[in-house]
C-alpha atoms as a PDB file:
ATOM      1  CA  MET A   1      58.902  13.569  61.895  1.00  0.00           C
ATOM      2  CA  LYS A   2      56.279  16.016  60.320  1.00  0.00           C
ATOM      3  CA  ILE A   3      52.492  14.633  60.217  1.00  0.00           C
ATOM      4  CA  LYS A   4      49.812  16.468  58.538  1.00  0.00           C
ATOM      5  CA  MET A   5      46.005  16.168  59.382  1.00  0.00           C
ATOM      6  CA  GLU A   6      42.642  17.251  58.100  1.00  0.00           C
ATOM      7  CA  ILE A   7      39.606  16.761  59.345  1.00  0.00           C
ATOM      8  CA  GLU A   8      36.498  17.570  58.241  1.00  0.00           C
ATOM      9  CA  VAL A   9      33.355  18.423  60.053  1.00  0.00           C
ATOM     10  CA  GLU A  10      29.192  19.341  59.805  1.00  0.00           C
ATOM     11  CA  ALA A  11      28.000  21.335  62.208  1.00  0.00           C
ATOM     12  CA  THR A  12      25.602  24.527  62.606  1.00  0.00           C
ATOM     13  CA  PRO A  13      27.144  27.052  63.584  1.00  0.00           C
ATOM     14  CA  LYS A  14      24.909  26.248  66.822  1.00  0.00           C
ATOM     15  CA  GLU A  15      26.165  23.513  67.196  1.00  0.00           C
ATOM     16  CA  VAL A  16      29.779  24.513  67.007  1.00  0.00           C
ATOM     17  CA  ARG A  17      29.127  27.403  69.604  1.00  0.00           C
ATOM     18  CA  ASP A  18      27.630  24.665  71.953  1.00  0.00           C
ATOM     19  CA  THR A  19      29.917  22.035  71.426  1.00  0.00           C
ATOM     20  CA  MET A  20      33.208  25.040  72.105  1.00  0.00           C
ATOM     21  CA  GLY A  21      30.886  26.010  75.208  1.00  0.00           C
ATOM     22  CA  LEU A  22      30.774  29.725  73.401  1.00  0.00           C
ATOM     23  CA  PRO A  23      27.621  31.686  74.076  1.00  0.00           C
ATOM     24  CA  ASP A  24      24.913  32.104  71.764  1.00  0.00           C
ATOM     25  CA  VAL A  25      24.767  35.603  70.737  1.00  0.00           C
ATOM     26  CA  GLN A  26      22.210  36.243  67.929  1.00  0.00           C
ATOM     27  CA  ALA A  27      19.760  37.515  70.487  1.00  0.00           C
ATOM     28  CA  VAL A  28      22.195  40.204  71.455  1.00  0.00           C
ATOM     29  CA  GLN A  29      22.771  40.883  67.767  1.00  0.00           C
ATOM     30  CA  GLU A  30      19.610  40.899  66.953  1.00  0.00           C
ATOM     31  CA  ARG A  31      18.284  44.021  69.303  1.00  0.00           C
ATOM     32  CA  ILE A  32      21.960  45.226  68.080  1.00  0.00           C
ATOM     33  CA  ILE A  33      20.754  45.633  64.878  1.00  0.00           C
ATOM     34  CA  ALA A  34      17.538  46.381  65.364  1.00  0.00           C
ATOM     35  CA  LYS A  35      18.361  49.384  67.111  1.00  0.00           C
ATOM     36  CA  PHE A  36      20.825  50.569  64.294  1.00  0.00           C
ATOM     37  CA  GLU A  37      18.169  50.053  61.916  1.00  0.00           C
ATOM     38  CA  LYS A  38      15.548  52.506  64.004  1.00  0.00           C
ATOM     39  CA  ARG A  39      18.416  55.075  64.651  1.00  0.00           C
ATOM     40  CA  ALA A  40      19.130  54.502  60.666  1.00  0.00           C
ATOM     41  CA  THR A  41      15.705  55.126  59.724  1.00  0.00           C
ATOM     42  CA  ASP A  42      14.805  57.866  62.277  1.00  0.00           C
ATOM     43  CA  ILE A  43      17.467  60.010  61.109  1.00  0.00           C
ATOM     44  CA  LEU A  44      16.746  59.263  57.126  1.00  0.00           C
ATOM     45  CA  SER A  45      13.391  60.612  58.038  1.00  0.00           C
ATOM     46  CA  ASP A  46      14.478  63.813  58.026  1.00  0.00           C
ATOM     47  CA  TYR A  47      15.961  63.791  54.820  1.00  0.00           C
ATOM     48  CA  ASP A  48      15.350  64.355  51.394  1.00  0.00           C
ATOM     49  CA  PRO A  49      17.400  61.802  49.177  1.00  0.00           C
ATOM     50  CA  THR A  50      17.482  63.818  46.632  1.00  0.00           C
ATOM     51  CA  LYS A  51      19.258  66.312  48.699  1.00  0.00           C
ATOM     52  CA  ILE A  52      22.038  63.515  50.557  1.00  0.00           C
ATOM     53  CA  LEU A  53      22.379  62.079  47.159  1.00  0.00           C
ATOM     54  CA  SER A  54      23.402  65.498  45.649  1.00  0.00           C
ATOM     55  CA  ILE A  55      26.224  65.978  49.095  1.00  0.00           C
ATOM     56  CA  PHE A  56      27.877  63.023  46.950  1.00  0.00           C
ATOM     57  CA  LEU A  57      27.795  63.956  43.175  1.00  0.00           C
ATOM     58  CA  PRO A  58      30.288  66.287  41.618  1.00  0.00           C
ATOM     59  CA  GLU A  59      29.204  69.440  39.633  1.00  0.00           C
ATOM     60  CA  GLY A  60      29.074  67.492  36.381  1.00  0.00           C
ATOM     61  CA  PHE A  61      26.536  66.052  37.177  1.00  0.00           C
ATOM     62  CA  ARG A  62      24.190  68.538  38.440  1.00  0.00           C
ATOM     63  CA  LEU A  63      24.594  69.728  35.371  1.00  0.00           C
ATOM     64  CA  THR A  64      24.083  66.666  33.472  1.00  0.00           C
ATOM     65  CA  GLU A  65      20.526  66.840  36.229  1.00  0.00           C
ATOM     66  CA  SER A  66      20.083  70.042  34.878  1.00  0.00           C
ATOM     67  CA  MET A  67      20.427  69.543  30.871  1.00  0.00           C
ATOM     68  CA  GLN A  68      18.287  66.584  31.594  1.00  0.00           C
ATOM     69  CA  LYS A  69      15.124  68.345  33.093  1.00  0.00           C
ATOM     70  CA  MET A  70      15.171  70.826  30.158  1.00  0.00           C
ATOM     71  CA  VAL A  71      15.357  68.608  27.233  1.00  0.00           C
ATOM     72  CA  MET A  72      12.764  66.149  28.797  1.00  0.00           C
ATOM     73  CA  ASP A  73      10.623  69.535  29.839  1.00  0.00           C
ATOM     74  CA  SER A  74      10.828  70.475  26.042  1.00  0.00           C
ATOM     75  CA  ILE A  75       9.608  67.271  25.054  1.00  0.00           C
ATOM     76  CA  PRO A  76       5.801  67.790  25.595  1.00  0.00           C
ATOM     77  CA  LYS A  77       6.407  71.131  23.471  1.00  0.00           C
ATOM     78  CA  ILE A  78       7.786  69.857  20.700  1.00  0.00           C
ATOM     79  CA  LEU A  79       4.921  66.870  20.422  1.00  0.00           C
ATOM     80  CA  LYS A  80       2.479  69.530  20.724  1.00  0.00           C
ATOM     81  CA  SER A  81       3.678  70.995  17.919  1.00  0.00           C
ATOM     82  CA  PRO A  82       2.549  70.601  14.670  1.00  0.00           C
ATOM     83  CA  ALA A  83       5.130  68.164  12.091  1.00  0.00           C
ATOM     84  CA  LYS A  84       6.462  70.200   9.355  1.00  0.00           C
ATOM     85  CA  LYS A  85       6.473  68.463   5.258  1.00  0.00           C
ATOM     86  CA  VAL A  86       9.849  67.753   4.317  1.00  0.00           C
ATOM     87  CA  ASP A  87      10.670  68.409   1.099  1.00  0.00           C
ATOM     88  CA  LYS A  88      11.566  65.060  -0.953  1.00  0.00           C
ATOM     89  CA  SER A  89      12.352  66.694  -4.467  1.00  0.00           C
END
């Protein structure tokens, strides 16, 4: 004979830890995360984000980037040049 039971309990994680006798590790987790964040920001503060990203970008994206720069640099020159009239005859 098989019996299937389902029990639903509404409790916060802290209440479950207290009921089961588990230690509260929230303070330890917060200290570990704070140390990790400090180390990550210390390491990354010396690096240029574009250099970091260029490591992961394939060469094709870098070529696209140079094309975009070339186009963007030429826009002010185009805007400064006098407009040419188009003959509609």
